[in-house]
Amino acid sequence: VPGVTVKVGKVQYNALWEPSFYDNHRCVLINPDHPFYQKVYYPNLRDGITMTGLDSLLWACVEAEYGIMNELQKKDFEEFRMKVSSILARLVEDLPDPEV
């Protein structure tokens, strides 16, 4: 997806993603330790359409968060990231571990 940068790195509160900056541009920072990353995101890195979809979804969440102007709403988005990340972790519990 043009303009979308996803970087792998340390994310607060073990969430799946968070907004960040890379080379002075907005990006999505994704957590390689999150179960969704390990069982869904990483195994599909070679599937262009799947990755475009996943990256676009995460990018939309980050863009929405960057569009928020007041601190109260920023906290709400942080809680949203933590809640969605928790739900995703539960949803992928029964998925098989990918072959390495």
PDB file of N, CA and C in Angstrom:
ATOM      1  N   VAL A   1       0.861  -1.172   0.000  1.00  0.00           N
ATOM      2  CA  VAL A   1       0.000   0.000   0.000  1.00  0.00           C
ATOM      3  C   VAL A   1       0.909   1.237   0.000  1.00  0.00           C
ATOM      4  N   PRO A   2       0.812   2.107  -0.975  1.00  0.00           N
ATOM      5  CA  PRO A   2       1.658   3.296  -1.012  1.00  0.00           C
ATOM      6  C   PRO A   2       1.461   4.166   0.220  1.00  0.00           C
ATOM      7  N   GLY A   3       2.539   4.632   0.788  1.00  0.00           N
ATOM      8  CA  GLY A   3       2.469   5.518   1.940  1.00  0.00           C
ATOM      9  C   GLY A   3       2.327   4.822   3.274  1.00  0.00           C
ATOM     10  N   VAL A   4       2.158   3.514   3.264  1.00  0.00           N
ATOM     11  CA  VAL A   4       1.986   2.770   4.506  1.00  0.00           C
ATOM     12  C   VAL A   4       3.322   2.123   4.877  1.00  0.00           C
ATOM     13  N   THR A   5       3.801   2.431   6.064  1.00  0.00           N
ATOM     14  CA  THR A   5       5.031   1.810   6.544  1.00  0.00           C
ATOM     15  C   THR A   5       4.722   1.050   7.814  1.00  0.00           C
ATOM     16  N   VAL A   6       5.012  -0.232   7.789  1.00  0.00           N
ATOM     17  CA  VAL A   6       4.840  -1.077   8.968  1.00  0.00           C
ATOM     18  C   VAL A   6       6.223  -1.512   9.415  1.00  0.00           C
ATOM     19  N   LYS A   7       6.551  -1.222  10.655  1.00  0.00           N
ATOM     20  CA  LYS A   7       7.833  -1.609  11.233  1.00  0.00           C
ATOM     21  C   LYS A   7       7.568  -2.580  12.378  1.00  0.00           C
ATOM     22  N   VAL A   8       8.478  -3.498  12.581  1.00  0.00           N
ATOM     23  CA  VAL A   8       8.380  -4.464  13.670  1.00  0.00           C
ATOM     24  C   VAL A   8       9.220  -3.937  14.823  1.00  0.00           C
ATOM     25  N   GLY A   9       8.649  -3.963  16.032  1.00  0.00           N
ATOM     26  CA  GLY A   9       9.397  -3.489  17.187  1.00  0.00           C
ATOM     27  C   GLY A   9       8.617  -3.579  18.470  1.00  0.00           C
ATOM     28  N   LYS A  10       9.190  -3.043  19.520  1.00  0.00           N
ATOM     29  CA  LYS A  10       8.597  -3.062  20.858  1.00  0.00           C
ATOM     30  C   LYS A  10       7.381  -2.154  20.913  1.00  0.00           C
ATOM     31  N   VAL A  11       6.271  -2.700  21.388  1.00  0.00           N
ATOM     32  CA  VAL A  11       5.007  -1.974  21.483  1.00  0.00           C
ATOM     33  C   VAL A  11       4.575  -1.947  22.945  1.00  0.00           C
ATOM     34  N   GLN A  12       4.048  -0.806  23.378  1.00  0.00           N
ATOM     35  CA  GLN A  12       3.599  -0.683  24.768  1.00  0.00           C
ATOM     36  C   GLN A  12       2.465  -1.639  25.092  1.00  0.00           C
ATOM     37  N   TYR A  13       2.453  -2.111  26.314  1.00  0.00           N
ATOM     38  CA  TYR A  13       1.358  -2.912  26.877  1.00  0.00           C
ATOM     39  C   TYR A  13       1.102  -4.215  26.117  1.00  0.00           C
ATOM     40  N   ASN A  14       2.073  -4.678  25.352  1.00  0.00           N
ATOM     41  CA  ASN A  14       1.953  -5.892  24.544  1.00  0.00           C
ATOM     42  C   ASN A  14       0.784  -5.832  23.559  1.00  0.00           C
ATOM     43  N   ALA A  15       0.414  -4.628  23.145  1.00  0.00           N
ATOM     44  CA  ALA A  15      -0.617  -4.470  22.117  1.00  0.00           C
ATOM     45  C   ALA A  15      -0.067  -4.992  20.787  1.00  0.00           C
ATOM     46  N   LEU A  16      -0.943  -5.249  19.829  1.00  0.00           N
ATOM     47  CA  LEU A  16      -0.517  -5.706  18.519  1.00  0.00           C
ATOM     48  C   LEU A  16       0.173  -4.592  17.745  1.00  0.00           C
ATOM     49  N   TRP A  17      -0.326  -3.373  17.864  1.00  0.00           N
ATOM     50  CA  TRP A  17       0.233  -2.260  17.097  1.00  0.00           C
ATOM     51  C   TRP A  17       0.148  -0.972  17.900  1.00  0.00           C
ATOM     52  N   GLU A  18       0.886   0.034  17.421  1.00  0.00           N
ATOM     53  CA  GLU A  18       0.754   1.384  17.931  1.00  0.00           C
ATOM     54  C   GLU A  18       1.275   2.357  16.875  1.00  0.00           C
ATOM     55  N   PRO A  19       0.812   3.601  16.928  1.00  0.00           N
ATOM     56  CA  PRO A  19       1.324   4.602  16.005  1.00  0.00           C
ATOM     57  C   PRO A  19       2.772   4.921  16.359  1.00  0.00           C
ATOM     58  N   SER A  20       3.559   5.229  15.343  1.00  0.00           N
ATOM     59  CA  SER A  20       4.945   5.565  15.577  1.00  0.00           C
ATOM     60  C   SER A  20       5.442   6.438  14.427  1.00  0.00           C
ATOM     61  N   PHE A  21       6.718   6.734  14.461  1.00  0.00           N
ATOM     62  CA  PHE A  21       7.358   7.480  13.382  1.00  0.00           C
ATOM     63  C   PHE A  21       8.594   6.735  12.925  1.00  0.00           C
ATOM     64  N   TYR A  22       8.837   6.759  11.644  1.00  0.00           N
ATOM     65  CA  TYR A  22      10.039   6.181  11.059  1.00  0.00           C
ATOM     66  C   TYR A  22      10.520   7.152   9.987  1.00  0.00           C
ATOM     67  N   ASP A  23      11.742   7.584  10.122  1.00  0.00           N
ATOM     68  CA  ASP A  23      12.332   8.502   9.150  1.00  0.00           C
ATOM     69  C   ASP A  23      11.449   9.746   8.985  1.00  0.00           C
ATOM     70  N   ASN A  24      10.962  10.266  10.112  1.00  0.00           N
ATOM     71  CA  ASN A  24      10.106  11.461  10.169  1.00  0.00           C
ATOM     72  C   ASN A  24       8.755  11.314   9.466  1.00  0.00           C
ATOM     73  N   HIS A  25       8.300  10.087   9.287  1.00  0.00           N
ATOM     74  CA  HIS A  25       6.987   9.838   8.696  1.00  0.00           C
ATOM     75  C   HIS A  25       6.184   8.936   9.628  1.00  0.00           C
ATOM     76  N   ARG A  26       4.880   9.091   9.587  1.00  0.00           N
ATOM     77  CA  ARG A  26       4.008   8.220  10.379  1.00  0.00           C
ATOM     78  C   ARG A  26       4.182   6.780   9.922  1.00  0.00           C
ATOM     79  N   CYS A  27       4.087   5.878  10.888  1.00  0.00           N
ATOM     80  CA  CYS A  27       4.132   4.460  10.542  1.00  0.00           C
ATOM     81  C   CYS A  27       3.339   3.665  11.567  1.00  0.00           C
ATOM     82  N   VAL A  28       3.176   2.397  11.279  1.00  0.00           N
ATOM     83  CA  VAL A  28       2.557   1.455  12.199  1.00  0.00           C
ATOM     84  C   VAL A  28       3.686   0.624  12.786  1.00  0.00           C
ATOM     85  N   LEU A  29       3.760   0.575  14.099  1.00  0.00           N
ATOM     86  CA  LEU A  29       4.716  -0.290  14.773  1.00  0.00           C
ATOM     87  C   LEU A  29       3.955  -1.530  15.198  1.00  0.00           C
ATOM     88  N   ILE A  30       4.414  -2.691  14.761  1.00  0.00           N
ATOM     89  CA  ILE A  30       3.706  -3.938  15.053  1.00  0.00           C
ATOM     90  C   ILE A  30       4.570  -4.813  15.958  1.00  0.00           C
ATOM     91  N   ASN A  31       3.906  -5.476  16.881  1.00  0.00           N
ATOM     92  CA  ASN A  31       4.556  -6.246  17.940  1.00  0.00           C
ATOM     93  C   ASN A  31       4.790  -7.698  17.508  1.00  0.00           C
ATOM     94  N   PRO A  32       6.041  -8.110  17.311  1.00  0.00           N
ATOM     95  CA  PRO A  32       6.312  -9.484  16.888  1.00  0.00           C
ATOM     96  C   PRO A  32       6.038 -10.524  17.976  1.00  0.00           C
ATOM     97  N   ASP A  33       5.847 -10.083  19.211  1.00  0.00           N
ATOM     98  CA  ASP A  33       5.565 -11.015  20.305  1.00  0.00           C
ATOM     99  C   ASP A  33       4.073 -11.276  20.495  1.00  0.00           C
ATOM    100  N   HIS A  34       3.234 -10.517  19.798  1.00  0.00           N
ATOM    101  CA  HIS A  34       1.790 -10.694  19.947  1.00  0.00           C
ATOM    102  C   HIS A  34       1.353 -11.971  19.222  1.00  0.00           C
ATOM    103  N   PRO A  35       0.455 -12.765  19.810  1.00  0.00           N
ATOM    104  CA  PRO A  35       0.010 -14.012  19.175  1.00  0.00           C
ATOM    105  C   PRO A  35      -0.579 -13.823  17.777  1.00  0.00           C
ATOM    106  N   PHE A  36      -1.282 -12.721  17.526  1.00  0.00           N
ATOM    107  CA  PHE A  36      -1.833 -12.488  16.193  1.00  0.00           C
ATOM    108  C   PHE A  36      -0.715 -12.312  15.171  1.00  0.00           C
ATOM    109  N   TYR A  37       0.325 -11.598  15.552  1.00  0.00           N
ATOM    110  CA  TYR A  37       1.472 -11.431  14.654  1.00  0.00           C
ATOM    111  C   TYR A  37       2.083 -12.798  14.344  1.00  0.00           C
ATOM    112  N   GLN A  38       2.296 -13.598  15.381  1.00  0.00           N
ATOM    113  CA  GLN A  38       2.968 -14.887  15.217  1.00  0.00           C
ATOM    114  C   GLN A  38       2.143 -15.892  14.423  1.00  0.00           C
ATOM    115  N   LYS A  39       0.828 -15.899  14.625  1.00  0.00           N
ATOM    116  CA  LYS A  39      -0.006 -16.935  14.003  1.00  0.00           C
ATOM    117  C   LYS A  39      -0.698 -16.493  12.718  1.00  0.00           C
ATOM    118  N   VAL A  40      -0.838 -15.197  12.495  1.00  0.00           N
ATOM    119  CA  VAL A  40      -1.564 -14.724  11.314  1.00  0.00           C
ATOM    120  C   VAL A  40      -0.692 -13.810  10.446  1.00  0.00           C
ATOM    121  N   TYR A  41      -0.154 -12.776  11.032  1.00  0.00           N
ATOM    122  CA  TYR A  41       0.570 -11.774  10.248  1.00  0.00           C
ATOM    123  C   TYR A  41       1.845 -12.365   9.641  1.00  0.00           C
ATOM    124  N   TYR A  42       2.739 -12.852  10.488  1.00  0.00           N
ATOM    125  CA  TYR A  42       4.035 -13.354  10.007  1.00  0.00           C
ATOM    126  C   TYR A  42       3.904 -14.493   8.987  1.00  0.00           C
ATOM    127  N   PRO A  43       3.051 -15.496   9.219  1.00  0.00           N
ATOM    128  CA  PRO A  43       2.947 -16.585   8.245  1.00  0.00           C
ATOM    129  C   PRO A  43       2.432 -16.142   6.872  1.00  0.00           C
ATOM    130  N   ASN A  44       1.852 -14.968   6.787  1.00  0.00           N
ATOM    131  CA  ASN A  44       1.297 -14.486   5.523  1.00  0.00           C
ATOM    132  C   ASN A  44       2.139 -13.397   4.863  1.00  0.00           C
ATOM    133  N   LEU A  45       3.352 -13.195   5.321  1.00  0.00           N
ATOM    134  CA  LEU A  45       4.179 -12.118   4.783  1.00  0.00           C
ATOM    135  C   LEU A  45       4.361 -12.201   3.264  1.00  0.00           C
ATOM    136  N   ARG A  46       4.322 -13.382   2.708  1.00  0.00           N
ATOM    137  CA  ARG A  46       4.527 -13.548   1.267  1.00  0.00           C
ATOM    138  C   ARG A  46       3.240 -13.422   0.455  1.00  0.00           C
ATOM    139  N   ASP A  47       2.104 -13.319   1.134  1.00  0.00           N
ATOM    140  CA  ASP A  47       0.815 -13.202   0.441  1.00  0.00           C
ATOM    141  C   ASP A  47       0.483 -11.717   0.294  1.00  0.00           C
ATOM    142  N   GLY A  48       0.747 -11.178  -0.881  1.00  0.00           N
ATOM    143  CA  GLY A  48       0.616  -9.743  -1.111  1.00  0.00           C
ATOM    144  C   GLY A  48      -0.754  -9.177  -0.807  1.00  0.00           C
ATOM    145  N   ILE A  49      -1.810  -9.861  -1.223  1.00  0.00           N
ATOM    146  CA  ILE A  49      -3.153  -9.340  -1.005  1.00  0.00           C
ATOM    147  C   ILE A  49      -3.501  -9.353   0.482  1.00  0.00           C
ATOM    148  N   THR A  50      -3.171 -10.449   1.154  1.00  0.00           N
ATOM    149  CA  THR A  50      -3.440 -10.531   2.597  1.00  0.00           C
ATOM    150  C   THR A  50      -2.688  -9.446   3.344  1.00  0.00           C
ATOM    151  N   MET A  51      -1.419  -9.250   3.006  1.00  0.00           N
ATOM    152  CA  MET A  51      -0.609  -8.255   3.704  1.00  0.00           C
ATOM    153  C   MET A  51      -1.101  -6.841   3.400  1.00  0.00           C
ATOM    154  N   THR A  52      -1.517  -6.604   2.175  1.00  0.00           N
ATOM    155  CA  THR A  52      -2.069  -5.291   1.843  1.00  0.00           C
ATOM    156  C   THR A  52      -3.299  -5.021   2.694  1.00  0.00           C
ATOM    157  N   GLY A  53      -4.144  -6.036   2.854  1.00  0.00           N
ATOM    158  CA  GLY A  53      -5.340  -5.883   3.677  1.00  0.00           C
ATOM    159  C   GLY A  53      -5.021  -5.649   5.138  1.00  0.00           C
ATOM    160  N   LEU A  54      -4.138  -6.464   5.701  1.00  0.00           N
ATOM    161  CA  LEU A  54      -3.783  -6.309   7.116  1.00  0.00           C
ATOM    162  C   LEU A  54      -3.101  -4.974   7.369  1.00  0.00           C
ATOM    163  N   ASP A  55      -2.144  -4.621   6.504  1.00  0.00           N
ATOM    164  CA  ASP A  55      -1.442  -3.348   6.679  1.00  0.00           C
ATOM    165  C   ASP A  55      -2.387  -2.162   6.522  1.00  0.00           C
ATOM    166  N   SER A  56      -3.315  -2.260   5.589  1.00  0.00           N
ATOM    167  CA  SER A  56      -4.284  -1.180   5.385  1.00  0.00           C
ATOM    168  C   SER A  56      -5.183  -1.004   6.606  1.00  0.00           C
ATOM    169  N   LEU A  57      -5.616  -2.113   7.184  1.00  0.00           N
ATOM    170  CA  LEU A  57      -6.451  -2.045   8.380  1.00  0.00           C
ATOM    171  C   LEU A  57      -5.701  -1.388   9.537  1.00  0.00           C
ATOM    172  N   LEU A  58      -4.476  -1.817   9.762  1.00  0.00           N
ATOM    173  CA  LEU A  58      -3.676  -1.223  10.839  1.00  0.00           C
ATOM    174  C   LEU A  58      -3.383   0.245  10.552  1.00  0.00           C
ATOM    175  N   TRP A  59      -3.074   0.564   9.304  1.00  0.00           N
ATOM    176  CA  TRP A  59      -2.800   1.950   8.925  1.00  0.00           C
ATOM    177  C   TRP A  59      -4.031   2.831   9.174  1.00  0.00           C
ATOM    178  N   ALA A  60      -5.213   2.337   8.846  1.00  0.00           N
ATOM    179  CA  ALA A  60      -6.437   3.102   9.076  1.00  0.00           C
ATOM    180  C   ALA A  60      -6.616   3.395  10.567  1.00  0.00           C
ATOM    181  N   CYS A  61      -6.312   2.426  11.409  1.00  0.00           N
ATOM    182  CA  CYS A  61      -6.411   2.637  12.869  1.00  0.00           C
ATOM    183  C   CYS A  61      -5.421   3.706  13.322  1.00  0.00           C
ATOM    184  N   VAL A  62      -4.208   3.652  12.792  1.00  0.00           N
ATOM    185  CA  VAL A  62      -3.191   4.642  13.156  1.00  0.00           C
ATOM    186  C   VAL A  62      -3.582   6.031  12.654  1.00  0.00           C
ATOM    187  N   GLU A  63      -4.055   6.123  11.429  1.00  0.00           N
ATOM    188  CA  GLU A  63      -4.465   7.420  10.886  1.00  0.00           C
ATOM    189  C   GLU A  63      -5.614   8.006  11.698  1.00  0.00           C
ATOM    190  N   ALA A  64      -6.561   7.174  12.101  1.00  0.00           N
ATOM    191  CA  ALA A  64      -7.662   7.649  12.932  1.00  0.00           C
ATOM    192  C   ALA A  64      -7.129   8.180  14.259  1.00  0.00           C
ATOM    193  N   GLU A  65      -6.179   7.472  14.822  1.00  0.00           N
ATOM    194  CA  GLU A  65      -5.607   7.911  16.101  1.00  0.00           C
ATOM    195  C   GLU A  65      -4.836   9.211  15.941  1.00  0.00           C
ATOM    196  N   TYR A  66      -4.062   9.351  14.882  1.00  0.00           N
ATOM    197  CA  TYR A  66      -3.329  10.595  14.653  1.00  0.00           C
ATOM    198  C   TYR A  66      -4.270  11.772  14.405  1.00  0.00           C
ATOM    199  N   GLY A  67      -5.466  11.490  13.926  1.00  0.00           N
ATOM    200  CA  GLY A  67      -6.422  12.555  13.665  1.00  0.00           C
ATOM    201  C   GLY A  67      -7.099  13.095  14.909  1.00  0.00           C
ATOM    202  N   ILE A  68      -6.879  12.471  16.046  1.00  0.00           N
ATOM    203  CA  ILE A  68      -7.497  12.898  17.304  1.00  0.00           C
ATOM    204  C   ILE A  68      -6.701  14.062  17.889  1.00  0.00           C
ATOM    205  N   MET A  69      -7.424  15.057  18.374  1.00  0.00           N
ATOM    206  CA  MET A  69      -6.750  16.266  18.833  1.00  0.00           C
ATOM    207  C   MET A  69      -6.640  16.399  20.349  1.00  0.00           C
ATOM    208  N   ASN A  70      -7.534  15.794  21.121  1.00  0.00           N
ATOM    209  CA  ASN A  70      -7.442  16.033  22.561  1.00  0.00           C
ATOM    210  C   ASN A  70      -6.912  14.801  23.304  1.00  0.00           C
ATOM    211  N   GLU A  71      -6.364  15.036  24.457  1.00  0.00           N
ATOM    212  CA  GLU A  71      -5.704  13.985  25.238  1.00  0.00           C
ATOM    213  C   GLU A  71      -6.666  12.899  25.703  1.00  0.00           C
ATOM    214  N   LEU A  72      -7.903  13.261  26.031  1.00  0.00           N
ATOM    215  CA  LEU A  72      -8.878  12.264  26.476  1.00  0.00           C
ATOM    216  C   LEU A  72      -9.123  11.241  25.373  1.00  0.00           C
ATOM    217  N   GLN A  73      -9.301  11.699  24.153  1.00  0.00           N
ATOM    218  CA  GLN A  73      -9.529  10.777  23.047  1.00  0.00           C
ATOM    219  C   GLN A  73      -8.278   9.952  22.740  1.00  0.00           C
ATOM    220  N   LYS A  74      -7.117  10.513  22.933  1.00  0.00           N
ATOM    221  CA  LYS A  74      -5.881   9.742  22.731  1.00  0.00           C
ATOM    222  C   LYS A  74      -5.834   8.571  23.705  1.00  0.00           C
ATOM    223  N   LYS A  75      -6.244   8.799  24.939  1.00  0.00           N
ATOM    224  CA  LYS A  75      -6.303   7.722  25.937  1.00  0.00           C
ATOM    225  C   LYS A  75      -7.325   6.672  25.519  1.00  0.00           C
ATOM    226  N   ASP A  76      -8.458   7.117  24.982  1.00  0.00           N
ATOM    227  CA  ASP A  76      -9.482   6.185  24.514  1.00  0.00           C
ATOM    228  C   ASP A  76      -8.931   5.293  23.404  1.00  0.00           C
ATOM    229  N   PHE A  77      -8.169   5.859  22.483  1.00  0.00           N
ATOM    230  CA  PHE A  77      -7.579   5.062  21.408  1.00  0.00           C
ATOM    231  C   PHE A  77      -6.549   4.074  21.954  1.00  0.00           C
ATOM    232  N   GLU A  78      -5.797   4.489  22.953  1.00  0.00           N
ATOM    233  CA  GLU A  78      -4.831   3.589  23.573  1.00  0.00           C
ATOM    234  C   GLU A  78      -5.556   2.392  24.195  1.00  0.00           C
ATOM    235  N   GLU A  79      -6.644   2.668  24.889  1.00  0.00           N
ATOM    236  CA  GLU A  79      -7.445   1.594  25.476  1.00  0.00           C
ATOM    237  C   GLU A  79      -8.058   0.716  24.393  1.00  0.00           C
ATOM    238  N   PHE A  80      -8.483   1.325  23.289  1.00  0.00           N
ATOM    239  CA  PHE A  80      -9.018   0.585  22.147  1.00  0.00           C
ATOM    240  C   PHE A  80      -7.965  -0.385  21.616  1.00  0.00           C
ATOM    241  N   ARG A  81      -6.726   0.081  21.426  1.00  0.00           N
ATOM    242  CA  ARG A  81      -5.650  -0.792  20.939  1.00  0.00           C
ATOM    243  C   ARG A  81      -5.429  -1.964  21.880  1.00  0.00           C
ATOM    244  N   MET A  82      -5.433  -1.687  23.179  1.00  0.00           N
ATOM    245  CA  MET A  82      -5.205  -2.757  24.156  1.00  0.00           C
ATOM    246  C   MET A  82      -6.351  -3.764  24.135  1.00  0.00           C
ATOM    247  N   LYS A  83      -7.583  -3.281  24.046  1.00  0.00           N
ATOM    248  CA  LYS A  83      -8.747  -4.175  24.040  1.00  0.00           C
ATOM    249  C   LYS A  83      -8.778  -5.025  22.778  1.00  0.00           C
ATOM    250  N   VAL A  84      -8.596  -4.407  21.616  1.00  0.00           N
ATOM    251  CA  VAL A  84      -8.582  -5.162  20.359  1.00  0.00           C
ATOM    252  C   VAL A  84      -7.450  -6.183  20.374  1.00  0.00           C
ATOM    253  N   SER A  85      -6.296  -5.797  20.858  1.00  0.00           N
ATOM    254  CA  SER A  85      -5.160  -6.711  20.918  1.00  0.00           C
ATOM    255  C   SER A  85      -5.441  -7.903  21.818  1.00  0.00           C
ATOM    256  N   SER A  86      -6.102  -7.653  22.929  1.00  0.00           N
ATOM    257  CA  SER A  86      -6.470  -8.729  23.846  1.00  0.00           C
ATOM    258  C   SER A  86      -7.465  -9.687  23.201  1.00  0.00           C
ATOM    259  N   ILE A  87      -8.459  -9.136  22.533  1.00  0.00           N
ATOM    260  CA  ILE A  87      -9.457  -9.971  21.861  1.00  0.00           C
ATOM    261  C   ILE A  87      -8.806 -10.794  20.754  1.00  0.00           C
ATOM    262  N   LEU A  88      -7.943 -10.176  19.959  1.00  0.00           N
ATOM    263  CA  LEU A  88      -7.258 -10.911  18.888  1.00  0.00           C
ATOM    264  C   LEU A  88      -6.402 -12.050  19.452  1.00  0.00           C
ATOM    265  N   ALA A  89      -5.741 -11.805  20.567  1.00  0.00           N
ATOM    266  CA  ALA A  89      -4.933 -12.861  21.181  1.00  0.00           C
ATOM    267  C   ALA A  89      -5.804 -14.054  21.560  1.00  0.00           C
ATOM    268  N   ARG A  90      -6.990 -13.787  22.119  1.00  0.00           N
ATOM    269  CA  ARG A  90      -7.906 -14.875  22.474  1.00  0.00           C
ATOM    270  C   ARG A  90      -8.435 -15.593  21.232  1.00  0.00           C
ATOM    271  N   LEU A  91      -8.734 -14.832  20.182  1.00  0.00           N
ATOM    272  CA  LEU A  91      -9.296 -15.427  18.968  1.00  0.00           C
ATOM    273  C   LEU A  91      -8.328 -16.362  18.247  1.00  0.00           C
ATOM    274  N   VAL A  92      -7.041 -16.123  18.389  1.00  0.00           N
ATOM    275  CA  VAL A  92      -6.065 -16.969  17.678  1.00  0.00           C
ATOM    276  C   VAL A  92      -5.474 -18.065  18.555  1.00  0.00           C
ATOM    277  N   GLU A  93      -5.929 -18.156  19.798  1.00  0.00           N
ATOM    278  CA  GLU A  93      -5.387 -19.177  20.712  1.00  0.00           C
ATOM    279  C   GLU A  93      -5.434 -20.576  20.115  1.00  0.00           C
ATOM    280  N   ASP A  94      -6.525 -20.915  19.462  1.00  0.00           N
ATOM    281  CA  ASP A  94      -6.707 -22.269  18.952  1.00  0.00           C
ATOM    282  C   ASP A  94      -6.118 -22.485  17.563  1.00  0.00           C
ATOM    283  N   LEU A  95      -5.598 -21.444  16.957  1.00  0.00           N
ATOM    284  CA  LEU A  95      -4.943 -21.619  15.659  1.00  0.00           C
ATOM    285  C   LEU A  95      -3.629 -22.372  15.851  1.00  0.00           C
ATOM    286  N   PRO A  96      -3.250 -23.189  14.889  1.00  0.00           N
ATOM    287  CA  PRO A  96      -1.978 -23.897  15.045  1.00  0.00           C
ATOM    288  C   PRO A  96      -0.804 -22.926  14.986  1.00  0.00           C
ATOM    289  N   ASP A  97       0.257 -23.300  15.666  1.00  0.00           N
ATOM    290  CA  ASP A  97       1.483 -22.515  15.571  1.00  0.00           C
ATOM    291  C   ASP A  97       2.046 -22.719  14.178  1.00  0.00           C
ATOM    292  N   PRO A  98       2.526 -21.640  13.565  1.00  0.00           N
ATOM    293  CA  PRO A  98       3.074 -21.787  12.208  1.00  0.00           C
ATOM    294  C   PRO A  98       4.363 -22.594  12.220  1.00  0.00           C
ATOM    295  N   GLU A  99       4.607 -23.269  11.117  1.00  0.00           N
ATOM    296  CA  GLU A  99       5.861 -24.001  10.987  1.00  0.00           C
ATOM    297  C   GLU A  99       6.966 -23.004  10.702  1.00  0.00           C
ATOM    298  N   VAL A 100       8.057 -23.177  11.389  1.00  0.00           N
ATOM    299  CA  VAL A 100       9.177 -22.231  11.245  1.00  0.00           C
ATOM    300  C   VAL A 100      10.135 -22.709  10.182  1.00  0.00           C
TER     301      VAL A 100
END
